[in-house]
Amino acid sequence: MRKLLVATSVIGIAVVGTGLAGAAGSRIVEEETFSITENTTFVVFDTKAADLGDMDPGDEVIYRSQLLDPTDGTKVGLDRVNCTINKPPMMICTAALALTGRGTISAQFAADVTSPEGFLMAITGGTGEFENVRGSITADTSDQVATLTFHLLP
């Protein structure tokens, strides 16, 4: 009887664990790729008053953007990004991108501030439709208007 109780408990835990794992999945049900553009405002905080304008370790680059539909320019969301200069010209950044009516995507990335090509962000999570989402965001900054291409995985 005791062996049956232990076996039943193990099976019960396995069934509950499987149910919880399924519940933790993303609300994105299939792979999704889309692009948006951004209209950005930058703020730079220089930590060393003696050499204002130089990029030094610890300096902060903070920017916010309106996210726009590339076809008609309507606002589809906004983002907030905080970066810290690590070893110039590299900065380490965290981003929160809010897409109206869908939720927020969080991401992290390293970027070279002198690179005109852009950078790749790793999606670290999200809220709403983007809860537990995975994937990446490619930022193409080679044009005057930055384009963000989201590649979302369930």
Foldseek 3Di string as FASTA:
>chain_A
DVVVVVVVVVVVVVVVVVVVVVVQDALPPAKDKDKWWWDKDKDKADPDPVDPPDQDFFIKIKMKIFTAHVPPGDGQWMKIKIWTCHHPQKIKMWMWTAGPPAWIWIWIFIDRPPDQQFTKTWTDAIDHNTGVKGFIWTWGRNDVIIMIMTTIGD
